[in-house]
């Protein structure tokens, strides 16, 4: 008999996020209008407050809504961006298949990016990377905060290249990468990232280009493999 793998359903957070996003894009709630309260959403969708908050936080990252304490969650004016910018995550981040595509892109590009950064990275950059790694270590229970620091870590390496083309391309897909990182952390956890980010800093300090390249490649390939093994990523 073939070895069977445990079937995993899509996370509740992802389902709530998709429903809210679809309603926002369909104009169910207009610009400036408030979304239903957390309690209303919990009752309507049959999920916990934690799930609703996580989904809304992802919508905030996309720039679809804005939450202010004591004033609820309000729809922002995102129409101009989402309709003309093909890189905008509203269009691109639809399911876990897109996350896999982004990771494949990152594996191809970031292995070369870190090699170029080796000769140009400065002490202040190492301070920044160490600071972001510390944030990641201290936020394993807050995947949005963890993923934000993860994204800033990799973006700083791109900036260290001092190559305006690399930095420009990274900034164009900045929101897409940031959103994908939130989903990656939510799906597979923090362990892989924490292990490899320390190794990446150490390899950069050694100014070992081949070690940097191999470490970045291993980091992203292990992440890709973990997503595939979850059985949530590839769709026929």
C-alpha atoms as a PDB file:
ATOM      1  CA  UNK A   1       0.000   0.000   0.000  1.00  0.00           C
ATOM      2  CA  UNK A   2       1.255   3.473  -0.840  1.00  0.00           C
ATOM      3  CA  UNK A   3       2.138   5.715   2.068  1.00  0.00           C
ATOM      4  CA  UNK A   4      -0.739   8.048   2.731  1.00  0.00           C
ATOM      5  CA  UNK A   5      -0.324  11.623   3.884  1.00  0.00           C
ATOM      6  CA  UNK A   6      -2.559  13.436   6.301  1.00  0.00           C
ATOM      7  CA  UNK A   7      -5.078  15.619   4.515  1.00  0.00           C
ATOM      8  CA  UNK A   8      -4.930  19.228   5.621  1.00  0.00           C
ATOM      9  CA  UNK A   9      -7.758  21.648   5.070  1.00  0.00           C
ATOM     10  CA  UNK A  10      -7.207  25.311   4.359  1.00  0.00           C
ATOM     11  CA  UNK A  11      -6.749  27.336   7.535  1.00  0.00           C
ATOM     12  CA  UNK A  12      -9.735  29.198   8.973  1.00  0.00           C
ATOM     13  CA  UNK A  13      -7.758  32.423   8.855  1.00  0.00           C
ATOM     14  CA  UNK A  14      -7.150  31.959   5.144  1.00  0.00           C
ATOM     15  CA  UNK A  15     -10.818  31.239   4.480  1.00  0.00           C
ATOM     16  CA  UNK A  16     -11.971  34.310   6.434  1.00  0.00           C
ATOM     17  CA  UNK A  17      -9.333  36.469   4.738  1.00  0.00           C
ATOM     18  CA  UNK A  18     -10.444  35.325   1.275  1.00  0.00           C
ATOM     19  CA  UNK A  19     -14.119  35.962   1.998  1.00  0.00           C
ATOM     20  CA  UNK A  20     -13.466  39.441   3.338  1.00  0.00           C
ATOM     21  CA  UNK A  21     -11.120  40.286   0.478  1.00  0.00           C
ATOM     22  CA  UNK A  22     -13.608  39.109  -2.136  1.00  0.00           C
ATOM     23  CA  UNK A  23     -16.345  41.233  -0.560  1.00  0.00           C
ATOM     24  CA  UNK A  24     -14.060  44.262  -0.434  1.00  0.00           C
ATOM     25  CA  UNK A  25     -13.088  43.906  -4.091  1.00  0.00           C
ATOM     26  CA  UNK A  26     -16.751  43.412  -5.025  1.00  0.00           C
ATOM     27  CA  UNK A  27     -17.637  46.708  -3.330  1.00  0.00           C
ATOM     28  CA  UNK A  28     -19.851  45.225  -0.632  1.00  0.00           C
ATOM     29  CA  UNK A  29     -18.287  47.770   1.730  1.00  0.00           C
ATOM     30  CA  UNK A  30     -17.512  51.171   0.216  1.00  0.00           C
ATOM     31  CA  UNK A  31     -14.484  53.390   0.789  1.00  0.00           C
ATOM     32  CA  UNK A  32     -14.699  54.959   4.229  1.00  0.00           C
ATOM     33  CA  UNK A  33     -17.326  52.483   5.397  1.00  0.00           C
ATOM     34  CA  UNK A  34     -16.702  50.373   8.477  1.00  0.00           C
ATOM     35  CA  UNK A  35     -16.566  46.615   8.343  1.00  0.00           C
ATOM     36  CA  UNK A  36     -18.840  44.718  10.734  1.00  0.00           C
ATOM     37  CA  UNK A  37     -17.429  44.551  14.260  1.00  0.00           C
ATOM     38  CA  UNK A  38     -15.246  41.638  15.362  1.00  0.00           C
ATOM     39  CA  UNK A  39     -18.168  40.194  17.314  1.00  0.00           C
ATOM     40  CA  UNK A  40     -20.464  40.421  14.289  1.00  0.00           C
ATOM     41  CA  UNK A  41     -17.893  38.767  12.038  1.00  0.00           C
ATOM     42  CA  UNK A  42     -17.262  36.018  14.591  1.00  0.00           C
ATOM     43  CA  UNK A  43     -20.975  35.259  14.849  1.00  0.00           C
ATOM     44  CA  UNK A  44     -21.591  35.423  11.107  1.00  0.00           C
ATOM     45  CA  UNK A  45     -18.579  33.334  10.112  1.00  0.00           C
ATOM     46  CA  UNK A  46     -18.567  30.999  13.107  1.00  0.00           C
ATOM     47  CA  UNK A  47     -14.924  31.562  13.989  1.00  0.00           C
ATOM     48  CA  UNK A  48     -12.947  32.974  16.908  1.00  0.00           C
ATOM     49  CA  UNK A  49     -11.850  36.586  17.453  1.00  0.00           C
ATOM     50  CA  UNK A  50      -8.231  35.486  16.981  1.00  0.00           C
ATOM     51  CA  UNK A  51      -9.058  34.181  13.499  1.00  0.00           C
ATOM     52  CA  UNK A  52     -10.945  37.342  12.537  1.00  0.00           C
ATOM     53  CA  UNK A  53      -8.157  39.604  13.820  1.00  0.00           C
ATOM     54  CA  UNK A  54      -5.505  37.642  11.901  1.00  0.00           C
ATOM     55  CA  UNK A  55      -7.496  37.913   8.673  1.00  0.00           C
ATOM     56  CA  UNK A  56      -8.047  41.652   9.146  1.00  0.00           C
ATOM     57  CA  UNK A  57      -4.356  42.164   9.864  1.00  0.00           C
ATOM     58  CA  UNK A  58      -3.537  40.572   6.521  1.00  0.00           C
ATOM     59  CA  UNK A  59      -6.036  42.862   4.800  1.00  0.00           C
ATOM     60  CA  UNK A  60      -4.256  45.803   6.475  1.00  0.00           C
ATOM     61  CA  UNK A  61      -0.929  44.609   5.079  1.00  0.00           C
ATOM     62  CA  UNK A  62      -2.507  44.647   1.619  1.00  0.00           C
ATOM     63  CA  UNK A  63      -3.707  48.198   2.203  1.00  0.00           C
ATOM     64  CA  UNK A  64      -7.388  47.302   1.804  1.00  0.00           C
ATOM     65  CA  UNK A  65      -8.482  48.402   5.268  1.00  0.00           C
ATOM     66  CA  UNK A  66      -7.296  50.525   8.151  1.00  0.00           C
ATOM     67  CA  UNK A  67      -7.906  49.712  11.809  1.00  0.00           C
ATOM     68  CA  UNK A  68      -7.850  52.352  14.521  1.00  0.00           C
ATOM     69  CA  UNK A  69      -8.296  51.526  18.151  1.00  0.00           C
ATOM     70  CA  UNK A  70     -11.764  52.486  19.298  1.00  0.00           C
ATOM     71  CA  UNK A  71     -12.880  53.298  15.759  1.00  0.00           C
ATOM     72  CA  UNK A  72     -13.151  49.879  14.147  1.00  0.00           C
ATOM     73  CA  UNK A  73     -11.907  48.800  10.720  1.00  0.00           C
ATOM     74  CA  UNK A  74     -12.495  51.114   7.753  1.00  0.00           C
ATOM     75  CA  UNK A  75     -12.235  50.429   4.020  1.00  0.00           C
ATOM     76  CA  UNK A  76      -9.414  52.368   2.342  1.00  0.00           C
ATOM     77  CA  UNK A  77      -9.313  53.701  -1.218  1.00  0.00           C
ATOM     78  CA  UNK A  78      -7.349  50.963  -2.976  1.00  0.00           C
ATOM     79  CA  UNK A  79      -9.093  51.076  -6.378  1.00  0.00           C
ATOM     80  CA  UNK A  80      -6.417  53.056  -8.196  1.00  0.00           C
ATOM     81  CA  UNK A  81      -3.638  50.737  -7.123  1.00  0.00           C
ATOM     82  CA  UNK A  82      -5.318  47.371  -7.554  1.00  0.00           C
ATOM     83  CA  UNK A  83      -6.659  48.137 -11.017  1.00  0.00           C
ATOM     84  CA  UNK A  84      -3.450  49.326 -12.699  1.00  0.00           C
ATOM     85  CA  UNK A  85      -0.587  47.653 -10.858  1.00  0.00           C
ATOM     86  CA  UNK A  86      -0.138  44.057 -11.958  1.00  0.00           C
ATOM     87  CA  UNK A  87       2.273  43.482  -9.111  1.00  0.00           C
ATOM     88  CA  UNK A  88      -0.250  44.422  -6.448  1.00  0.00           C
ATOM     89  CA  UNK A  89      -0.911  41.560  -4.018  1.00  0.00           C
ATOM     90  CA  UNK A  90      -4.691  42.024  -4.271  1.00  0.00           C
ATOM     91  CA  UNK A  91      -4.391  40.507  -7.717  1.00  0.00           C
ATOM     92  CA  UNK A  92      -1.482  38.144  -7.231  1.00  0.00           C
ATOM     93  CA  UNK A  93      -1.840  36.497  -3.826  1.00  0.00           C
ATOM     94  CA  UNK A  94      -4.841  34.286  -4.353  1.00  0.00           C
ATOM     95  CA  UNK A  95      -3.806  30.933  -2.889  1.00  0.00           C
ATOM     96  CA  UNK A  96      -0.826  28.913  -1.733  1.00  0.00           C
ATOM     97  CA  UNK A  97       0.171  28.110  -5.318  1.00  0.00           C
ATOM     98  CA  UNK A  98       1.073  31.775  -5.735  1.00  0.00           C
ATOM     99  CA  UNK A  99       3.203  31.573  -2.593  1.00  0.00           C
ATOM    100  CA  UNK A 100       5.155  28.706  -4.124  1.00  0.00           C
ATOM    101  CA  UNK A 101       5.731  30.739  -7.303  1.00  0.00           C
ATOM    102  CA  UNK A 102       7.029  33.653  -5.242  1.00  0.00           C
ATOM    103  CA  UNK A 103       9.413  31.383  -3.335  1.00  0.00           C
ATOM    104  CA  UNK A 104      10.716  29.952  -6.615  1.00  0.00           C
ATOM    105  CA  UNK A 105      11.342  33.507  -7.805  1.00  0.00           C
ATOM    106  CA  UNK A 106      13.097  34.360  -4.559  1.00  0.00           C
ATOM    107  CA  UNK A 107      15.297  31.280  -4.770  1.00  0.00           C
ATOM    108  CA  UNK A 108      16.414  32.278  -8.253  1.00  0.00           C
ATOM    109  CA  UNK A 109      17.051  35.960  -7.458  1.00  0.00           C
ATOM    110  CA  UNK A 110      18.117  36.117  -3.807  1.00  0.00           C
ATOM    111  CA  UNK A 111      20.922  33.560  -4.168  1.00  0.00           C
ATOM    112  CA  UNK A 112      22.608  36.005  -6.522  1.00  0.00           C
ATOM    113  CA  UNK A 113      21.606  39.070  -4.527  1.00  0.00           C
ATOM    114  CA  UNK A 114      23.328  37.938  -1.340  1.00  0.00           C
ATOM    115  CA  UNK A 115      26.547  37.173  -3.247  1.00  0.00           C
ATOM    116  CA  UNK A 116      26.603  40.725  -4.587  1.00  0.00           C
ATOM    117  CA  UNK A 117      25.936  42.081  -1.097  1.00  0.00           C
ATOM    118  CA  UNK A 118      29.005  40.361   0.396  1.00  0.00           C
ATOM    119  CA  UNK A 119      31.507  43.012  -0.727  1.00  0.00           C
ATOM    120  CA  UNK A 120      29.211  45.957  -0.027  1.00  0.00           C
ATOM    121  CA  UNK A 121      27.587  45.240   3.327  1.00  0.00           C
ATOM    122  CA  UNK A 122      28.539  47.592   6.173  1.00  0.00           C
ATOM    123  CA  UNK A 123      28.600  47.383   9.965  1.00  0.00           C
ATOM    124  CA  UNK A 124      25.326  49.304  10.232  1.00  0.00           C
ATOM    125  CA  UNK A 125      23.727  46.692   7.975  1.00  0.00           C
ATOM    126  CA  UNK A 126      24.864  43.884  10.267  1.00  0.00           C
ATOM    127  CA  UNK A 127      23.366  45.794  13.195  1.00  0.00           C
ATOM    128  CA  UNK A 128      20.073  46.017  11.320  1.00  0.00           C
ATOM    129  CA  UNK A 129      20.061  42.312  10.414  1.00  0.00           C
ATOM    130  CA  UNK A 130      20.825  41.307  14.000  1.00  0.00           C
ATOM    131  CA  UNK A 131      18.024  43.561  15.224  1.00  0.00           C
ATOM    132  CA  UNK A 132      15.512  41.982  12.831  1.00  0.00           C
ATOM    133  CA  UNK A 133      16.620  38.472  13.762  1.00  0.00           C
ATOM    134  CA  UNK A 134      16.067  39.340  17.425  1.00  0.00           C
ATOM    135  CA  UNK A 135      12.546  40.555  16.593  1.00  0.00           C
ATOM    136  CA  UNK A 136      11.905  37.275  14.777  1.00  0.00           C
ATOM    137  CA  UNK A 137      13.127  35.266  17.757  1.00  0.00           C
ATOM    138  CA  UNK A 138      10.885  37.216  20.124  1.00  0.00           C
ATOM    139  CA  UNK A 139       7.746  37.054  17.961  1.00  0.00           C
ATOM    140  CA  UNK A 140       7.277  33.357  17.226  1.00  0.00           C
ATOM    141  CA  UNK A 141       3.702  33.667  18.539  1.00  0.00           C
ATOM    142  CA  UNK A 142       2.895  36.673  16.352  1.00  0.00           C
ATOM    143  CA  UNK A 143       3.279  35.617  12.734  1.00  0.00           C
ATOM    144  CA  UNK A 144       2.529  39.076  11.287  1.00  0.00           C
ATOM    145  CA  UNK A 145       5.291  40.714  13.350  1.00  0.00           C
ATOM    146  CA  UNK A 146       7.654  37.814  12.689  1.00  0.00           C
ATOM    147  CA  UNK A 147       7.015  37.904   8.938  1.00  0.00           C
ATOM    148  CA  UNK A 148       7.445  41.696   8.806  1.00  0.00           C
ATOM    149  CA  UNK A 149      10.907  41.396  10.371  1.00  0.00           C
ATOM    150  CA  UNK A 150      11.709  38.509   8.014  1.00  0.00           C
ATOM    151  CA  UNK A 151      10.784  40.627   5.025  1.00  0.00           C
ATOM    152  CA  UNK A 152      12.802  43.605   6.268  1.00  0.00           C
ATOM    153  CA  UNK A 153      15.796  41.288   6.774  1.00  0.00           C
ATOM    154  CA  UNK A 154      15.787  40.166   3.133  1.00  0.00           C
ATOM    155  CA  UNK A 155      15.007  43.628   1.791  1.00  0.00           C
ATOM    156  CA  UNK A 156      18.058  45.007   3.629  1.00  0.00           C
ATOM    157  CA  UNK A 157      20.263  42.399   1.935  1.00  0.00           C
ATOM    158  CA  UNK A 158      18.901  43.592  -1.413  1.00  0.00           C
ATOM    159  CA  UNK A 159      19.664  47.200  -0.431  1.00  0.00           C
ATOM    160  CA  UNK A 160      23.204  46.191   0.530  1.00  0.00           C
ATOM    161  CA  UNK A 161      23.932  45.368  -3.129  1.00  0.00           C
ATOM    162  CA  UNK A 162      23.741  49.116  -3.884  1.00  0.00           C
ATOM    163  CA  UNK A 163      22.374  48.029  -7.249  1.00  0.00           C
ATOM    164  CA  UNK A 164      19.481  50.357  -8.190  1.00  0.00           C
ATOM    165  CA  UNK A 165      17.857  47.782 -10.494  1.00  0.00           C
ATOM    166  CA  UNK A 166      17.745  45.073  -7.834  1.00  0.00           C
ATOM    167  CA  UNK A 167      16.422  47.528  -5.251  1.00  0.00           C
ATOM    168  CA  UNK A 168      13.805  48.934  -7.658  1.00  0.00           C
ATOM    169  CA  UNK A 169      12.484  45.495  -8.643  1.00  0.00           C
ATOM    170  CA  UNK A 170      12.350  44.454  -4.994  1.00  0.00           C
ATOM    171  CA  UNK A 171      10.414  47.615  -4.105  1.00  0.00           C
ATOM    172  CA  UNK A 172       7.939  47.028  -6.959  1.00  0.00           C
ATOM    173  CA  UNK A 173       6.957  43.639  -5.569  1.00  0.00           C
ATOM    174  CA  UNK A 174       7.508  44.659  -1.961  1.00  0.00           C
ATOM    175  CA  UNK A 175       3.899  44.239  -0.872  1.00  0.00           C
ATOM    176  CA  UNK A 176       3.565  40.914  -2.649  1.00  0.00           C
ATOM    177  CA  UNK A 177       6.671  39.520  -0.930  1.00  0.00           C
ATOM    178  CA  UNK A 178       5.590  40.858   2.450  1.00  0.00           C
ATOM    179  CA  UNK A 179       2.128  39.320   2.135  1.00  0.00           C
ATOM    180  CA  UNK A 180       3.551  35.981   1.002  1.00  0.00           C
ATOM    181  CA  UNK A 181       5.870  35.889   4.023  1.00  0.00           C
ATOM    182  CA  UNK A 182       2.912  36.283   6.379  1.00  0.00           C
ATOM    183  CA  UNK A 183       1.256  33.267   4.784  1.00  0.00           C
ATOM    184  CA  UNK A 184       4.461  31.212   4.806  1.00  0.00           C
ATOM    185  CA  UNK A 185       4.979  31.779   8.530  1.00  0.00           C
ATOM    186  CA  UNK A 186       1.318  31.030   9.217  1.00  0.00           C
ATOM    187  CA  UNK A 187       1.533  27.775   7.249  1.00  0.00           C
ATOM    188  CA  UNK A 188       4.893  26.297   8.271  1.00  0.00           C
ATOM    189  CA  UNK A 189       5.925  28.209  11.380  1.00  0.00           C
ATOM    190  CA  UNK A 190       9.151  29.998  12.314  1.00  0.00           C
ATOM    191  CA  UNK A 191      11.708  27.232  12.804  1.00  0.00           C
ATOM    192  CA  UNK A 192      13.197  27.163   9.291  1.00  0.00           C
ATOM    193  CA  UNK A 193      13.525  30.939   9.081  1.00  0.00           C
ATOM    194  CA  UNK A 194      15.186  31.308  12.467  1.00  0.00           C
ATOM    195  CA  UNK A 195      17.744  28.615  11.680  1.00  0.00           C
ATOM    196  CA  UNK A 196      18.773  30.037   8.323  1.00  0.00           C
ATOM    197  CA  UNK A 197      18.722  33.738   9.170  1.00  0.00           C
ATOM    198  CA  UNK A 198      21.423  33.189  11.777  1.00  0.00           C
ATOM    199  CA  UNK A 199      23.427  31.197   9.227  1.00  0.00           C
ATOM    200  CA  UNK A 200      22.993  33.946   6.628  1.00  0.00           C
ATOM    201  CA  UNK A 201      24.391  36.605   8.962  1.00  0.00           C
ATOM    202  CA  UNK A 202      27.330  34.367   9.874  1.00  0.00           C
ATOM    203  CA  UNK A 203      28.087  33.639   6.207  1.00  0.00           C
ATOM    204  CA  UNK A 204      27.984  37.356   5.376  1.00  0.00           C
ATOM    205  CA  UNK A 205      30.361  38.154   8.234  1.00  0.00           C
ATOM    206  CA  UNK A 206      32.798  35.567   6.866  1.00  0.00           C
ATOM    207  CA  UNK A 207      32.510  37.203   3.416  1.00  0.00           C
ATOM    208  CA  UNK A 208      32.215  33.700   1.988  1.00  0.00           C
ATOM    209  CA  UNK A 209      30.259  34.146  -1.243  1.00  0.00           C
ATOM    210  CA  UNK A 210      29.731  30.469  -1.967  1.00  0.00           C
ATOM    211  CA  UNK A 211      28.576  29.807   1.581  1.00  0.00           C
ATOM    212  CA  UNK A 212      26.166  32.752   1.314  1.00  0.00           C
ATOM    213  CA  UNK A 213      24.752  31.448  -1.938  1.00  0.00           C
ATOM    214  CA  UNK A 214      24.366  27.892  -0.661  1.00  0.00           C
ATOM    215  CA  UNK A 215      22.803  29.010   2.614  1.00  0.00           C
ATOM    216  CA  UNK A 216      20.226  31.215   0.869  1.00  0.00           C
ATOM    217  CA  UNK A 217      19.437  28.450  -1.598  1.00  0.00           C
ATOM    218  CA  UNK A 218      19.025  25.888   1.203  1.00  0.00           C
ATOM    219  CA  UNK A 219      16.840  28.295   3.188  1.00  0.00           C
ATOM    220  CA  UNK A 220      14.398  28.888   0.354  1.00  0.00           C
ATOM    221  CA  UNK A 221      14.410  25.302  -0.914  1.00  0.00           C
ATOM    222  CA  UNK A 222      13.634  23.948   2.551  1.00  0.00           C
ATOM    223  CA  UNK A 223      10.777  26.439   2.802  1.00  0.00           C
ATOM    224  CA  UNK A 224       9.442  25.337  -0.596  1.00  0.00           C
ATOM    225  CA  UNK A 225       9.701  21.683   0.392  1.00  0.00           C
ATOM    226  CA  UNK A 226       7.876  22.287   3.670  1.00  0.00           C
ATOM    227  CA  UNK A 227       4.991  23.968   1.850  1.00  0.00           C
ATOM    228  CA  UNK A 228       4.701  21.182  -0.694  1.00  0.00           C
ATOM    229  CA  UNK A 229       4.758  18.518   2.009  1.00  0.00           C
ATOM    230  CA  UNK A 230       1.828  20.189   3.719  1.00  0.00           C
ATOM    231  CA  UNK A 231      -0.291  19.139   0.782  1.00  0.00           C
ATOM    232  CA  UNK A 232      -1.802  22.628   0.598  1.00  0.00           C
ATOM    233  CA  UNK A 233       0.336  24.115  -2.121  1.00  0.00           C
ATOM    234  CA  UNK A 234       0.113  22.356  -5.459  1.00  0.00           C
ATOM    235  CA  UNK A 235      -3.240  22.289  -7.199  1.00  0.00           C
ATOM    236  CA  UNK A 236      -3.958  20.367 -10.400  1.00  0.00           C
END
